[in-house]
Amino acid sequence: MYTHARGPRADPKQESNSIFAFLPAPPFLTKEEEAGTSNIVMALQKTLSLLLLLLLTLLGLGLVQPSYGQGTYEGFQRQHVDSTGTGGTDLYCNRMMQRRGMTSDGCKKFNTFIHEDIGTINNICRTPNIRCKRGRMNCHAGVVRVTDCRNTGGYSPYNCRYGARASTRRVVIACEGNPLVPVHLDS
């Protein structure tokens, strides 16, 4: 009895390997029609395989495509922006460094939190370009309210301790993208 486009059912394992195993074969085919059907099924299998490969390739490219600042912009905000806080205390630094994930692999030695809204910080990127510490010309300077957090003891993620210093001072920010957004606090 013919139950599959490839002829009599010979081996159930072989049948389950085909992605078209669920398609019933016409009950009465001549050998020529059966050979033609088999060729069509093989062509469809190749086409579907190529389409699947193309889809996976496009998805992969979309997942690893560089974001030109967006991810770094988000990282900058996580690491340096606290527009609602006033900072200035050791307790503030201890909590913020932990909350923002800068003590998970050890105690980060130094970090600055900027106490301005993100619009004000973004506007620093519109000031004239200046040279960054590492020589690139994508830095910009502005004066903002900050809390500098410096490690005062502890080296494991569970006992990091920070001292705070609040001030209004000049900061240098590296900016990238179109429109320009802050991606790195240079000083």
N, C-alpha and C. Protein backbone atom coordinates (compact mmCIF):
# COMPACT_ATOMS: atom_id res chain seq x y z
N MET A 1 0.84 -1.16 0.00
CA MET A 1 0.00 0.00 0.00
C MET A 1 0.89 1.24 0.00
N TYR A 2 0.55 2.23 -0.82
CA TYR A 2 1.31 3.47 -0.93
C TYR A 2 0.72 4.51 0.01
N THR A 3 1.51 4.89 1.02
CA THR A 3 1.04 5.90 1.97
C THR A 3 1.94 7.13 1.99
N HIS A 4 2.96 7.13 1.21
CA HIS A 4 3.91 8.23 1.21
C HIS A 4 4.37 8.48 -0.21
N ALA A 5 4.77 9.69 -0.51
CA ALA A 5 5.16 10.03 -1.87
C ALA A 5 6.40 9.28 -2.32
N ARG A 6 7.13 8.67 -1.44
CA ARG A 6 8.34 7.97 -1.82
C ARG A 6 8.12 6.48 -2.03
N GLY A 7 6.91 6.02 -1.98
CA GLY A 7 6.66 4.60 -2.23
C GLY A 7 6.13 3.92 -1.00
N PRO A 8 6.26 2.60 -0.94
CA PRO A 8 5.73 1.86 0.20
C PRO A 8 6.44 2.25 1.49
N ARG A 9 5.72 2.16 2.54
CA ARG A 9 6.28 2.51 3.84
C ARG A 9 7.31 1.46 4.21
N ALA A 10 8.57 1.91 4.26
CA ALA A 10 9.64 0.95 4.51
C ALA A 10 10.12 1.03 5.95
N ASP A 11 10.40 2.24 6.39
CA ASP A 11 11.00 2.39 7.71
C ASP A 11 10.43 3.65 8.36
N PRO A 12 9.74 3.54 9.49
CA PRO A 12 9.15 4.71 10.14
C PRO A 12 10.20 5.75 10.53
N LYS A 13 11.43 5.34 10.88
CA LYS A 13 12.47 6.30 11.24
C LYS A 13 12.82 7.18 10.06
N GLN A 14 12.94 6.56 8.88
CA GLN A 14 13.29 7.29 7.67
C GLN A 14 12.18 8.29 7.34
N GLU A 15 10.95 7.92 7.56
CA GLU A 15 9.82 8.76 7.24
C GLU A 15 9.78 9.99 8.15
N SER A 16 10.14 9.85 9.43
CA SER A 16 10.05 10.96 10.36
C SER A 16 11.14 12.00 10.13
N ASN A 17 12.18 11.66 9.36
CA ASN A 17 13.24 12.61 9.07
C ASN A 17 12.81 13.64 8.05
N SER A 18 11.81 13.36 7.27
CA SER A 18 11.34 14.28 6.25
C SER A 18 10.41 15.31 6.87
N ILE A 19 10.61 16.58 6.48
CA ILE A 19 9.71 17.60 7.00
C ILE A 19 8.35 17.53 6.33
N PHE A 20 8.23 16.70 5.28
CA PHE A 20 6.97 16.53 4.58
C PHE A 20 6.30 15.20 4.90
N ALA A 21 6.73 14.55 5.97
CA ALA A 21 6.19 13.25 6.32
C ALA A 21 4.70 13.31 6.63
N PHE A 22 4.22 14.48 6.99
CA PHE A 22 2.81 14.61 7.34
C PHE A 22 1.90 14.70 6.11
N LEU A 23 2.48 14.90 4.92
CA LEU A 23 1.67 15.01 3.71
C LEU A 23 1.30 13.63 3.19
N PRO A 24 0.02 13.35 3.02
CA PRO A 24 -0.35 12.04 2.46
C PRO A 24 -0.09 12.03 0.95
N ALA A 25 0.31 10.89 0.45
CA ALA A 25 0.53 10.74 -0.98
C ALA A 25 -0.79 10.41 -1.66
N PRO A 26 -0.94 10.86 -2.91
CA PRO A 26 -2.14 10.46 -3.65
C PRO A 26 -2.19 8.94 -3.70
N PRO A 27 -3.39 8.34 -3.58
CA PRO A 27 -3.51 6.89 -3.45
C PRO A 27 -3.13 6.12 -4.71
N PHE A 28 -3.21 6.74 -5.87
CA PHE A 28 -2.87 5.98 -7.08
C PHE A 28 -2.04 6.85 -8.00
N LEU A 29 -0.75 6.57 -8.03
CA LEU A 29 0.17 7.28 -8.90
C LEU A 29 0.90 6.28 -9.77
N THR A 30 1.16 6.73 -10.99
CA THR A 30 2.01 5.91 -11.85
C THR A 30 3.44 6.14 -11.40
N LYS A 31 4.34 5.29 -11.88
CA LYS A 31 5.75 5.45 -11.50
C LYS A 31 6.30 6.79 -11.96
N GLU A 32 5.87 7.28 -13.13
CA GLU A 32 6.36 8.57 -13.63
C GLU A 32 5.84 9.71 -12.75
N GLU A 33 4.55 9.62 -12.36
CA GLU A 33 3.98 10.66 -11.50
C GLU A 33 4.63 10.62 -10.12
N GLU A 34 4.88 9.41 -9.64
CA GLU A 34 5.53 9.27 -8.35
C GLU A 34 6.92 9.88 -8.38
N ALA A 35 7.69 9.67 -9.44
CA ALA A 35 9.03 10.23 -9.58
C ALA A 35 8.95 11.75 -9.65
N GLY A 36 7.96 12.29 -10.37
CA GLY A 36 7.77 13.74 -10.47
C GLY A 36 7.41 14.34 -9.12
N THR A 37 6.52 13.65 -8.39
CA THR A 37 6.12 14.11 -7.05
C THR A 37 7.32 14.11 -6.12
N SER A 38 8.13 13.09 -6.22
CA SER A 38 9.32 12.98 -5.39
C SER A 38 10.27 14.14 -5.69
N ASN A 39 10.43 14.49 -6.96
CA ASN A 39 11.30 15.62 -7.34
C ASN A 39 10.74 16.94 -6.81
N ILE A 40 9.42 17.09 -6.85
CA ILE A 40 8.79 18.31 -6.34
C ILE A 40 9.01 18.42 -4.83
N VAL A 41 8.82 17.32 -4.13
CA VAL A 41 9.02 17.31 -2.67
C VAL A 41 10.46 17.67 -2.35
N MET A 42 11.42 17.12 -3.08
CA MET A 42 12.83 17.42 -2.84
C MET A 42 13.11 18.90 -3.11
N ALA A 43 12.52 19.44 -4.17
CA ALA A 43 12.72 20.85 -4.50
C ALA A 43 12.13 21.73 -3.40
N LEU A 44 10.94 21.36 -2.90
CA LEU A 44 10.33 22.12 -1.82
C LEU A 44 11.18 22.06 -0.54
N GLN A 45 11.74 20.88 -0.27
CA GLN A 45 12.60 20.74 0.91
C GLN A 45 13.81 21.66 0.79
N LYS A 46 14.43 21.70 -0.37
CA LYS A 46 15.60 22.56 -0.57
C LYS A 46 15.20 24.03 -0.44
N THR A 47 14.08 24.40 -1.02
CA THR A 47 13.63 25.79 -0.96
C THR A 47 13.34 26.20 0.47
N LEU A 48 12.61 25.36 1.20
CA LEU A 48 12.31 25.67 2.60
C LEU A 48 13.58 25.73 3.45
N SER A 49 14.52 24.84 3.18
CA SER A 49 15.79 24.85 3.91
C SER A 49 16.53 26.16 3.66
N LEU A 50 16.57 26.59 2.40
CA LEU A 50 17.25 27.84 2.07
C LEU A 50 16.53 29.05 2.69
N LEU A 51 15.21 29.03 2.66
CA LEU A 51 14.46 30.13 3.28
C LEU A 51 14.69 30.18 4.79
N LEU A 52 14.74 29.02 5.41
CA LEU A 52 15.00 28.96 6.84
C LEU A 52 16.40 29.48 7.15
N LEU A 53 17.38 29.08 6.35
CA LEU A 53 18.75 29.56 6.53
C LEU A 53 18.82 31.07 6.35
N LEU A 54 18.13 31.60 5.33
CA LEU A 54 18.11 33.03 5.10
C LEU A 54 17.47 33.76 6.29
N LEU A 55 16.37 33.25 6.78
CA LEU A 55 15.68 33.86 7.92
C LEU A 55 16.59 33.88 9.15
N LEU A 56 17.24 32.77 9.43
CA LEU A 56 18.15 32.70 10.59
C LEU A 56 19.33 33.66 10.42
N THR A 57 19.83 33.77 9.20
CA THR A 57 20.94 34.69 8.94
C THR A 57 20.50 36.13 9.19
N LEU A 58 19.33 36.50 8.67
CA LEU A 58 18.83 37.86 8.87
C LEU A 58 18.57 38.14 10.35
N LEU A 59 18.01 37.18 11.05
CA LEU A 59 17.79 37.36 12.49
C LEU A 59 19.11 37.51 13.22
N GLY A 60 20.07 36.70 12.85
CA GLY A 60 21.39 36.79 13.48
C GLY A 60 22.04 38.13 13.24
N LEU A 61 21.94 38.64 12.02
CA LEU A 61 22.51 39.96 11.73
C LEU A 61 21.81 41.04 12.53
N GLY A 62 20.53 40.91 12.69
CA GLY A 62 19.79 41.88 13.48
C GLY A 62 20.17 41.85 14.94
N LEU A 63 20.54 40.67 15.45
CA LEU A 63 20.88 40.55 16.86
C LEU A 63 22.28 41.05 17.16
N VAL A 64 23.20 40.96 16.20
CA VAL A 64 24.58 41.37 16.47
C VAL A 64 24.94 42.69 15.82
N GLN A 65 23.98 43.35 15.20
CA GLN A 65 24.24 44.62 14.54
C GLN A 65 24.65 45.65 15.58
N PRO A 66 25.71 46.42 15.30
CA PRO A 66 26.13 47.42 16.28
C PRO A 66 25.06 48.49 16.46
N SER A 67 24.95 49.03 17.67
CA SER A 67 23.89 49.99 17.95
C SER A 67 24.39 51.42 17.90
N TYR A 68 25.65 51.67 17.60
CA TYR A 68 26.21 53.00 17.44
C TYR A 68 25.77 53.96 18.54
N GLY A 69 26.00 53.59 19.78
CA GLY A 69 25.77 54.51 20.87
C GLY A 69 24.54 54.23 21.70
N GLN A 70 23.51 53.61 21.14
CA GLN A 70 22.28 53.46 21.92
C GLN A 70 22.52 52.62 23.16
N GLY A 71 23.14 51.44 23.01
CA GLY A 71 23.43 50.62 24.18
C GLY A 71 24.39 51.33 25.11
N THR A 72 25.37 52.02 24.56
CA THR A 72 26.33 52.76 25.35
C THR A 72 25.65 53.96 26.02
N TYR A 73 24.70 54.57 25.34
CA TYR A 73 23.92 55.68 25.91
C TYR A 73 23.14 55.20 27.12
N GLU A 74 22.53 54.03 26.98
CA GLU A 74 21.80 53.46 28.12
C GLU A 74 22.76 53.11 29.25
N GLY A 75 23.92 52.60 28.91
CA GLY A 75 24.94 52.31 29.92
C GLY A 75 25.41 53.58 30.62
N PHE A 76 25.58 54.64 29.84
CA PHE A 76 25.97 55.93 30.42
C PHE A 76 24.93 56.40 31.43
N GLN A 77 23.66 56.29 31.06
CA GLN A 77 22.59 56.72 31.96
C GLN A 77 22.57 55.87 33.24
N ARG A 78 22.72 54.54 33.08
CA ARG A 78 22.71 53.65 34.24
C ARG A 78 23.87 53.98 35.17
N GLN A 79 25.02 54.25 34.60
CA GLN A 79 26.22 54.41 35.41
C GLN A 79 26.39 55.83 35.97
N HIS A 80 25.86 56.85 35.28
CA HIS A 80 26.21 58.22 35.67
C HIS A 80 25.05 59.18 35.92
N VAL A 81 23.83 58.85 35.55
CA VAL A 81 22.75 59.83 35.65
C VAL A 81 21.81 59.48 36.80
N ASP A 82 21.62 60.46 37.69
CA ASP A 82 20.62 60.36 38.75
C ASP A 82 19.98 61.74 38.88
N SER A 83 19.02 61.99 38.01
CA SER A 83 18.42 63.33 37.95
C SER A 83 17.53 63.63 39.14
N THR A 84 17.03 62.61 39.83
CA THR A 84 16.12 62.86 40.96
C THR A 84 16.86 62.96 42.29
N GLY A 85 18.06 62.45 42.36
CA GLY A 85 18.79 62.44 43.63
C GLY A 85 19.61 63.70 43.83
N THR A 86 19.91 63.97 45.09
CA THR A 86 20.78 65.09 45.40
C THR A 86 22.17 64.60 45.79
N GLY A 87 22.26 63.34 46.17
CA GLY A 87 23.55 62.73 46.48
C GLY A 87 24.26 63.41 47.62
N GLY A 88 25.58 63.28 47.59
CA GLY A 88 26.40 63.99 48.55
C GLY A 88 26.74 63.27 49.84
N THR A 89 26.16 62.10 50.10
CA THR A 89 26.47 61.39 51.34
C THR A 89 27.09 60.04 51.04
N ASP A 90 27.82 59.52 52.02
CA ASP A 90 28.41 58.20 51.86
C ASP A 90 27.33 57.14 51.66
N LEU A 91 26.24 57.28 52.42
CA LEU A 91 25.13 56.33 52.28
C LEU A 91 24.58 56.34 50.85
N TYR A 92 24.45 57.53 50.27
CA TYR A 92 23.99 57.65 48.89
C TYR A 92 24.90 56.85 47.96
N CYS A 93 26.21 57.06 48.08
CA CYS A 93 27.16 56.36 47.21
C CYS A 93 27.10 54.85 47.42
N ASN A 94 27.06 54.41 48.67
CA ASN A 94 27.00 52.97 48.95
C ASN A 94 25.77 52.34 48.29
N ARG A 95 24.63 52.99 48.42
CA ARG A 95 23.40 52.45 47.84
C ARG A 95 23.39 52.51 46.32
N MET A 96 23.76 53.67 45.76
CA MET A 96 23.69 53.84 44.31
C MET A 96 24.70 52.94 43.58
N MET A 97 25.88 52.80 44.12
CA MET A 97 26.88 51.95 43.48
C MET A 97 26.38 50.51 43.44
N GLN A 98 25.72 50.08 44.49
CA GLN A 98 25.18 48.72 44.52
C GLN A 98 23.97 48.60 43.59
N ARG A 99 23.03 49.54 43.67
CA ARG A 99 21.82 49.50 42.84
C ARG A 99 22.13 49.52 41.35
N ARG A 100 23.14 50.28 40.98
CA ARG A 100 23.48 50.43 39.57
C ARG A 100 24.43 49.35 39.06
N GLY A 101 24.73 48.37 39.89
CA GLY A 101 25.51 47.21 39.46
C GLY A 101 27.00 47.43 39.36
N MET A 102 27.53 48.40 40.09
CA MET A 102 28.96 48.67 40.00
C MET A 102 29.75 48.03 41.13
N THR A 103 29.09 47.12 41.85
CA THR A 103 29.78 46.36 42.90
C THR A 103 29.60 44.86 42.70
N SER A 104 29.02 44.45 41.58
CA SER A 104 28.72 43.03 41.39
C SER A 104 29.97 42.19 41.08
N ASP A 105 30.98 42.76 40.43
CA ASP A 105 32.21 42.02 40.12
C ASP A 105 33.38 42.44 41.00
N GLY A 106 33.11 43.20 41.98
CA GLY A 106 34.14 43.79 42.82
C GLY A 106 33.75 45.24 43.04
N CYS A 107 34.56 45.98 43.74
CA CYS A 107 34.21 47.36 44.06
C CYS A 107 34.85 48.31 43.05
N LYS A 108 34.02 48.98 42.28
CA LYS A 108 34.55 49.98 41.34
C LYS A 108 35.22 51.07 42.17
N LYS A 109 36.40 51.52 41.74
CA LYS A 109 37.18 52.46 42.53
C LYS A 109 36.57 53.85 42.59
N PHE A 110 35.99 54.31 41.46
CA PHE A 110 35.51 55.68 41.40
C PHE A 110 34.36 55.78 40.40
N ASN A 111 33.35 56.58 40.73
CA ASN A 111 32.25 56.84 39.81
C ASN A 111 31.64 58.19 40.12
N THR A 112 31.14 58.83 39.08
CA THR A 112 30.48 60.12 39.22
C THR A 112 29.02 60.00 38.82
N PHE A 113 28.13 60.49 39.68
CA PHE A 113 26.70 60.60 39.36
C PHE A 113 26.39 62.06 39.06
N ILE A 114 25.71 62.30 37.95
CA ILE A 114 25.34 63.65 37.54
C ILE A 114 23.89 63.88 37.96
N HIS A 115 23.65 64.99 38.66
CA HIS A 115 22.32 65.30 39.17
C HIS A 115 21.65 66.38 38.31
N GLU A 116 21.48 66.06 37.05
CA GLU A 116 20.78 66.94 36.10
C GLU A 116 19.85 66.06 35.29
N ASP A 117 18.82 66.68 34.68
CA ASP A 117 17.94 65.87 33.84
C ASP A 117 18.68 65.49 32.56
N ILE A 118 18.25 64.41 31.94
CA ILE A 118 18.97 63.88 30.77
C ILE A 118 19.00 64.88 29.61
N GLY A 119 17.99 65.74 29.51
CA GLY A 119 17.99 66.76 28.46
C GLY A 119 19.15 67.73 28.63
N THR A 120 19.40 68.15 29.86
CA THR A 120 20.53 69.05 30.15
C THR A 120 21.85 68.37 29.83
N ILE A 121 21.95 67.09 30.17
CA ILE A 121 23.18 66.35 29.90
C ILE A 121 23.35 66.17 28.38
N ASN A 122 22.27 65.83 27.68
CA ASN A 122 22.34 65.69 26.22
C ASN A 122 22.78 66.99 25.56
N ASN A 123 22.36 68.15 26.11
CA ASN A 123 22.74 69.45 25.53
C ASN A 123 24.23 69.70 25.60
N ILE A 124 24.93 69.06 26.53
CA ILE A 124 26.39 69.20 26.59
C ILE A 124 27.01 68.71 25.27
N CYS A 125 26.37 67.73 24.64
CA CYS A 125 26.88 67.21 23.37
C CYS A 125 26.78 68.24 22.24
N ARG A 126 26.06 69.32 22.45
CA ARG A 126 25.91 70.38 21.43
C ARG A 126 26.96 71.48 21.59
N THR A 127 27.78 71.38 22.64
CA THR A 127 28.84 72.37 22.83
C THR A 127 29.99 72.02 21.90
N PRO A 128 30.94 72.95 21.68
CA PRO A 128 32.06 72.68 20.76
C PRO A 128 32.86 71.43 21.16
N ASN A 129 33.35 70.72 20.16
CA ASN A 129 34.18 69.53 20.39
C ASN A 129 35.49 69.91 21.05
N ILE A 130 35.93 69.05 21.96
CA ILE A 130 37.27 69.17 22.54
C ILE A 130 37.92 67.79 22.51
N ARG A 131 39.22 67.77 22.70
CA ARG A 131 39.95 66.50 22.66
C ARG A 131 39.70 65.70 23.95
N CYS A 132 39.41 64.41 23.78
CA CYS A 132 39.22 63.49 24.92
C CYS A 132 40.57 63.06 25.46
N LYS A 133 40.58 62.41 26.62
CA LYS A 133 41.82 61.91 27.23
C LYS A 133 42.61 61.02 26.28
N ARG A 134 41.91 60.21 25.50
CA ARG A 134 42.60 59.25 24.62
C ARG A 134 42.80 59.80 23.21
N GLY A 135 42.61 61.10 23.02
CA GLY A 135 42.97 61.74 21.76
C GLY A 135 41.84 61.93 20.75
N ARG A 136 40.72 61.28 20.95
CA ARG A 136 39.60 61.46 20.01
C ARG A 136 39.02 62.86 20.18
N MET A 137 38.37 63.35 19.14
CA MET A 137 37.80 64.69 19.16
C MET A 137 36.28 64.67 19.30
N ASN A 138 35.73 63.75 20.08
CA ASN A 138 34.28 63.67 20.24
C ASN A 138 33.83 64.01 21.66
N CYS A 139 34.64 64.77 22.39
CA CYS A 139 34.27 65.16 23.75
C CYS A 139 33.71 66.57 23.78
N HIS A 140 32.93 66.82 24.83
CA HIS A 140 32.26 68.11 25.03
C HIS A 140 32.26 68.39 26.53
N ALA A 141 32.30 69.68 26.89
CA ALA A 141 32.39 70.04 28.31
C ALA A 141 31.16 70.84 28.74
N GLY A 142 30.80 70.67 30.02
CA GLY A 142 29.71 71.43 30.61
C GLY A 142 29.84 71.41 32.12
N VAL A 143 29.12 72.32 32.77
CA VAL A 143 29.15 72.41 34.23
C VAL A 143 27.83 71.85 34.77
N VAL A 144 27.93 70.87 35.69
CA VAL A 144 26.75 70.18 36.24
C VAL A 144 26.96 69.90 37.73
N ARG A 145 25.86 69.57 38.42
CA ARG A 145 25.92 69.14 39.81
C ARG A 145 26.25 67.64 39.83
N VAL A 146 27.21 67.23 40.64
CA VAL A 146 27.65 65.84 40.67
C VAL A 146 27.86 65.36 42.10
N THR A 147 27.88 64.03 42.23
CA THR A 147 28.40 63.38 43.42
C THR A 147 29.48 62.41 42.96
N ASP A 148 30.69 62.62 43.45
CA ASP A 148 31.79 61.70 43.15
C ASP A 148 31.85 60.67 44.26
N CYS A 149 31.83 59.39 43.89
CA CYS A 149 31.89 58.29 44.85
C CYS A 149 33.24 57.59 44.71
N ARG A 150 34.00 57.58 45.79
CA ARG A 150 35.33 56.96 45.79
C ARG A 150 35.36 55.82 46.79
N ASN A 151 35.91 54.67 46.36
CA ASN A 151 36.00 53.50 47.23
C ASN A 151 36.93 53.83 48.39
N THR A 152 36.44 53.58 49.61
CA THR A 152 37.25 53.86 50.81
C THR A 152 37.62 52.59 51.55
N GLY A 153 37.18 51.46 51.05
CA GLY A 153 37.50 50.20 51.71
C GLY A 153 36.57 49.11 51.24
N GLY A 154 37.02 47.91 51.36
CA GLY A 154 36.25 46.77 50.91
C GLY A 154 36.56 46.46 49.45
N TYR A 155 36.70 45.17 49.17
CA TYR A 155 37.08 44.80 47.82
C TYR A 155 36.18 43.73 47.21
N SER A 156 35.33 43.13 48.04
CA SER A 156 34.42 42.13 47.49
C SER A 156 33.05 42.77 47.31
N PRO A 157 32.21 42.20 46.47
CA PRO A 157 30.90 42.79 46.20
C PRO A 157 30.05 43.02 47.44
N TYR A 158 30.34 42.32 48.54
CA TYR A 158 29.48 42.40 49.71
C TYR A 158 29.92 43.43 50.74
N ASN A 159 31.11 43.98 50.56
CA ASN A 159 31.56 44.94 51.58
C ASN A 159 32.16 46.20 50.98
N CYS A 160 31.69 46.62 49.82
CA CYS A 160 32.17 47.86 49.22
C CYS A 160 31.71 49.06 50.05
N ARG A 161 32.62 49.98 50.30
CA ARG A 161 32.28 51.20 51.03
C ARG A 161 32.79 52.40 50.25
N TYR A 162 31.95 53.44 50.19
CA TYR A 162 32.29 54.62 49.39
C TYR A 162 32.19 55.89 50.19
N GLY A 163 33.06 56.82 49.87
CA GLY A 163 32.98 58.18 50.41
C GLY A 163 32.44 59.09 49.32
N ALA A 164 31.63 60.07 49.70
CA ALA A 164 30.97 60.96 48.74
C ALA A 164 31.55 62.36 48.80
N ARG A 165 31.53 63.01 47.62
CA ARG A 165 31.90 64.42 47.55
C ARG A 165 30.96 65.09 46.54
N ALA A 166 30.09 65.97 47.03
CA ALA A 166 29.15 66.67 46.16
C ALA A 166 29.76 68.00 45.73
N SER A 167 29.53 68.36 44.45
CA SER A 167 30.03 69.64 43.96
C SER A 167 29.31 70.01 42.66
N THR A 168 29.54 71.23 42.26
CA THR A 168 29.14 71.66 40.91
C THR A 168 30.45 71.89 40.19
N ARG A 169 30.66 71.15 39.13
CA ARG A 169 31.95 71.24 38.47
C ARG A 169 31.84 70.95 36.97
N ARG A 170 32.93 71.18 36.31
CA ARG A 170 33.04 70.92 34.87
C ARG A 170 33.23 69.42 34.66
N VAL A 171 32.46 68.86 33.72
CA VAL A 171 32.65 67.46 33.32
C VAL A 171 32.92 67.44 31.82
N VAL A 172 33.62 66.40 31.39
CA VAL A 172 33.88 66.18 29.97
C VAL A 172 33.20 64.88 29.58
N ILE A 173 32.37 64.95 28.55
CA ILE A 173 31.56 63.81 28.13
C ILE A 173 31.84 63.50 26.67
N ALA A 174 32.08 62.21 26.37
CA ALA A 174 32.21 61.78 24.98
C ALA A 174 30.82 61.52 24.43
N CYS A 175 30.56 62.00 23.20
CA CYS A 175 29.25 61.87 22.58
C CYS A 175 29.39 61.20 21.22
N GLU A 176 28.40 60.39 20.87
CA GLU A 176 28.37 59.70 19.57
C GLU A 176 26.95 59.62 19.07
N GLY A 177 26.81 59.25 17.80
CA GLY A 177 25.50 59.00 17.21
C GLY A 177 24.96 60.20 16.47
N ASN A 178 23.77 60.00 15.92
CA ASN A 178 23.07 61.06 15.21
C ASN A 178 21.60 60.96 15.58
N PRO A 179 21.12 61.78 16.47
CA PRO A 179 21.78 62.93 17.09
C PRO A 179 22.81 62.50 18.12
N LEU A 180 23.72 63.42 18.43
CA LEU A 180 24.75 63.12 19.42
C LEU A 180 24.14 62.89 20.78
N VAL A 181 24.60 61.82 21.45
CA VAL A 181 24.18 61.51 22.82
C VAL A 181 25.41 61.13 23.63
N PRO A 182 25.37 61.35 24.95
CA PRO A 182 26.53 61.01 25.79
C PRO A 182 26.71 59.50 25.90
N VAL A 183 27.95 59.05 25.77
CA VAL A 183 28.25 57.62 25.85
C VAL A 183 29.35 57.29 26.85
N HIS A 184 30.09 58.32 27.30
CA HIS A 184 31.21 58.06 28.21
C HIS A 184 31.52 59.33 28.99
N LEU A 185 31.72 59.19 30.30
CA LEU A 185 32.15 60.32 31.12
C LEU A 185 33.67 60.30 31.12
N ASP A 186 34.28 61.30 30.47
CA ASP A 186 35.73 61.31 30.27
C ASP A 186 36.46 61.89 31.47
N SER A 187 35.85 62.83 32.17
CA SER A 187 36.47 63.38 33.39
C SER A 187 35.44 64.13 34.20
